[in-house]
Amino acid sequence: MISTSGSCIRKRGCCCASISAPHVAGIRLRTPIAPRVPPPKTLAPLAAAHFAGSSIGALCDHMHQHEGISAPRRILGVLAVAKKHGPAVVENAAHTAIELGFPTYRFLRRYLERQPPLALTLRQVDPLIGNSPSTAISSDRATGTTGDSP
């Protein structure tokens, strides 16, 4: 059976029920402690997330504030997803996650899994394909023509 005494909740018959214990209401256990500064291993990925995009940074900040000890690993996961899919795509997905009210790594990853991949342009497939000046010069050398004549 639980009895309440002020703001302290304890079991009846507890060893400290009859004596003045530190957790009994009205007695301060210790002075307030200043908020902790996150370690550099957490701050570096947060800075990288802000560099990747504003929505990505906001998503990682929210995870850092609300998810506790699992947040640094999830922030690293967001950065890995940004490296895999590209920062522009992940920025859009992070913006969507914040708007819908699900600012989590799991939502971000699942959202990106279900989005169709963007079609690659020829320049992304092979950089030699295209109208670059170096390609024109090498084709002129192969054919023996100059770039001025039609």
Protein backbone atom coordinates (compact mmCIF):
# COMPACT_ATOMS: atom_id res chain seq x y z
CA MET A 1 0.00 0.00 0.00
CA ILE A 2 1.29 3.44 -0.90
CA SER A 3 0.93 6.45 1.32
CA THR A 4 1.71 9.98 0.31
CA SER A 5 3.20 12.55 2.56
CA GLY A 6 3.52 15.93 0.84
CA SER A 7 5.29 15.37 -2.45
CA CYS A 8 7.03 12.15 -1.41
CA ILE A 9 5.61 8.79 -2.42
CA ARG A 10 6.87 5.77 -0.51
CA LYS A 11 5.79 2.35 0.59
CA ARG A 12 4.24 2.09 4.02
CA GLY A 13 6.56 0.27 6.35
CA CYS A 14 9.66 1.47 4.55
CA CYS A 15 12.84 1.49 6.63
CA CYS A 16 12.92 5.28 6.48
CA ALA A 17 9.24 5.83 7.27
CA SER A 18 9.94 6.52 10.93
CA ILE A 19 13.13 8.56 10.48
CA SER A 20 13.88 11.70 8.57
CA ALA A 21 15.30 10.45 5.23
CA PRO A 22 16.63 12.50 2.29
CA HIS A 23 13.73 11.54 0.03
CA VAL A 24 11.05 12.62 2.50
CA ALA A 25 9.23 15.80 1.47
CA GLY A 26 10.66 19.00 2.79
CA ILE A 27 14.31 17.90 2.91
CA ARG A 28 16.59 18.84 0.04
CA LEU A 29 18.82 16.05 -1.09
CA ARG A 30 21.45 18.29 -2.72
CA THR A 31 21.87 21.62 -4.41
CA PRO A 32 20.63 21.98 -7.99
CA ILE A 33 23.13 20.91 -10.62
CA ALA A 34 23.87 23.02 -13.68
CA PRO A 35 22.77 21.47 -16.98
CA ARG A 36 25.37 19.22 -18.54
CA VAL A 37 27.22 20.18 -21.68
CA PRO A 38 26.96 17.46 -24.32
CA PRO A 39 30.22 15.66 -25.14
CA PRO A 40 32.11 16.55 -28.33
CA LYS A 41 31.17 13.18 -29.85
CA THR A 42 27.56 14.37 -29.77
CA LEU A 43 28.20 17.99 -30.76
CA ALA A 44 30.21 17.13 -33.89
CA PRO A 45 27.39 15.14 -35.58
CA LEU A 46 24.90 17.86 -34.58
CA ALA A 47 27.08 20.47 -36.28
CA ALA A 48 27.36 18.24 -39.36
CA ALA A 49 23.57 17.88 -39.42
CA HIS A 50 23.12 21.65 -39.34
CA PHE A 51 25.66 21.95 -42.15
CA ALA A 52 23.73 19.38 -44.24
CA GLY A 53 20.51 21.41 -44.05
CA SER A 54 18.31 23.46 -41.77
CA SER A 55 15.50 20.88 -41.55
CA ILE A 56 18.00 18.08 -40.99
CA GLY A 57 19.57 20.12 -38.19
CA ALA A 58 16.17 20.86 -36.63
CA LEU A 59 15.26 17.17 -36.77
CA CYS A 60 18.55 16.17 -35.12
CA ASP A 61 18.15 18.88 -32.46
CA HIS A 62 14.71 17.52 -31.61
CA MET A 63 16.08 13.98 -31.36
CA HIS A 64 18.94 15.21 -29.16
CA GLN A 65 16.54 16.95 -26.77
CA HIS A 66 13.88 14.23 -26.54
CA GLU A 67 15.42 10.81 -27.16
CA GLY A 68 18.11 10.75 -24.50
CA ILE A 69 21.01 8.35 -24.73
CA SER A 70 19.96 6.83 -28.07
CA ALA A 71 20.00 10.22 -29.85
CA PRO A 72 23.70 10.37 -30.88
CA ARG A 73 23.49 7.04 -32.68
CA ARG A 74 20.29 8.09 -34.45
CA ILE A 75 21.86 11.40 -35.46
CA LEU A 76 24.71 9.43 -37.03
CA GLY A 77 22.04 7.37 -38.81
CA VAL A 78 20.47 10.54 -40.24
CA LEU A 79 23.87 11.62 -41.52
CA ALA A 80 24.44 8.19 -43.11
CA VAL A 81 21.04 8.41 -44.82
CA ALA A 82 21.96 11.90 -46.08
CA LYS A 83 25.19 10.48 -47.50
CA LYS A 84 23.33 7.62 -49.19
CA HIS A 85 20.35 9.51 -50.64
CA GLY A 86 21.82 12.99 -50.94
CA PRO A 87 21.29 16.00 -48.67
CA ALA A 88 18.58 17.61 -50.83
CA VAL A 89 16.33 14.53 -50.72
CA VAL A 90 16.88 14.06 -46.97
CA GLU A 91 16.29 17.78 -46.37
CA ASN A 92 12.89 17.45 -48.05
CA ALA A 93 12.10 14.31 -46.03
CA ALA A 94 13.17 15.98 -42.75
CA HIS A 95 10.98 18.98 -43.54
CA THR A 96 8.05 16.62 -44.15
CA ALA A 97 8.75 14.76 -40.88
CA ILE A 98 8.73 18.00 -38.90
CA GLU A 99 5.54 19.23 -40.59
CA LEU A 100 3.71 15.96 -39.92
CA GLY A 101 4.84 15.89 -36.29
CA PHE A 102 7.03 12.77 -36.46
CA PRO A 103 10.59 14.12 -36.10
CA THR A 104 12.26 10.74 -35.63
CA TYR A 105 14.96 8.77 -37.41
CA ARG A 106 12.59 5.87 -37.98
CA PHE A 107 10.05 8.06 -39.81
CA LEU A 108 12.79 9.64 -41.92
CA ARG A 109 14.24 6.28 -42.94
CA ARG A 110 10.84 4.72 -43.74
CA TYR A 111 9.77 7.81 -45.67
CA LEU A 112 12.88 7.60 -47.84
CA GLU A 113 12.44 3.84 -48.37
CA ARG A 114 8.96 4.40 -49.75
CA GLN A 115 9.82 7.31 -52.04
CA PRO A 116 10.65 6.40 -55.63
CA PRO A 117 14.29 7.17 -56.48
CA LEU A 118 14.96 10.15 -58.71
CA ALA A 119 15.89 9.42 -62.30
CA LEU A 120 19.57 9.91 -63.01
CA THR A 121 20.62 12.29 -65.74
CA LEU A 122 23.28 11.30 -68.23
CA ARG A 123 25.81 13.55 -66.54
CA GLN A 124 25.34 11.64 -63.29
CA VAL A 125 25.70 8.26 -64.99
CA ASP A 126 28.82 9.09 -67.00
CA PRO A 127 30.55 12.48 -66.78
CA LEU A 128 32.05 12.06 -70.26
CA ILE A 129 28.62 12.20 -71.87
CA GLY A 130 27.47 15.72 -72.54
CA ASN A 131 28.50 18.95 -74.21
CA SER A 132 31.54 19.73 -72.14
CA PRO A 133 34.43 21.53 -73.88
CA SER A 134 36.87 18.73 -73.06
CA THR A 135 34.63 16.17 -74.83
CA ALA A 136 34.39 18.39 -77.92
CA ILE A 137 38.17 18.81 -78.04
CA SER A 138 38.82 15.07 -77.76
CA SER A 139 36.24 14.26 -80.47
CA ASP A 140 37.80 16.91 -82.74
CA ARG A 141 41.19 15.29 -82.30
CA ALA A 142 39.78 11.88 -83.13
CA THR A 143 38.08 13.08 -86.33
CA GLY A 144 40.80 15.54 -87.34
CA THR A 145 38.42 18.52 -87.66
CA THR A 146 38.51 21.89 -85.97
CA GLY A 147 35.82 23.18 -83.65
CA ASP A 148 35.12 26.23 -85.86
CA SER A 149 34.03 24.46 -89.04
CA PRO A 150 30.51 22.96 -89.28
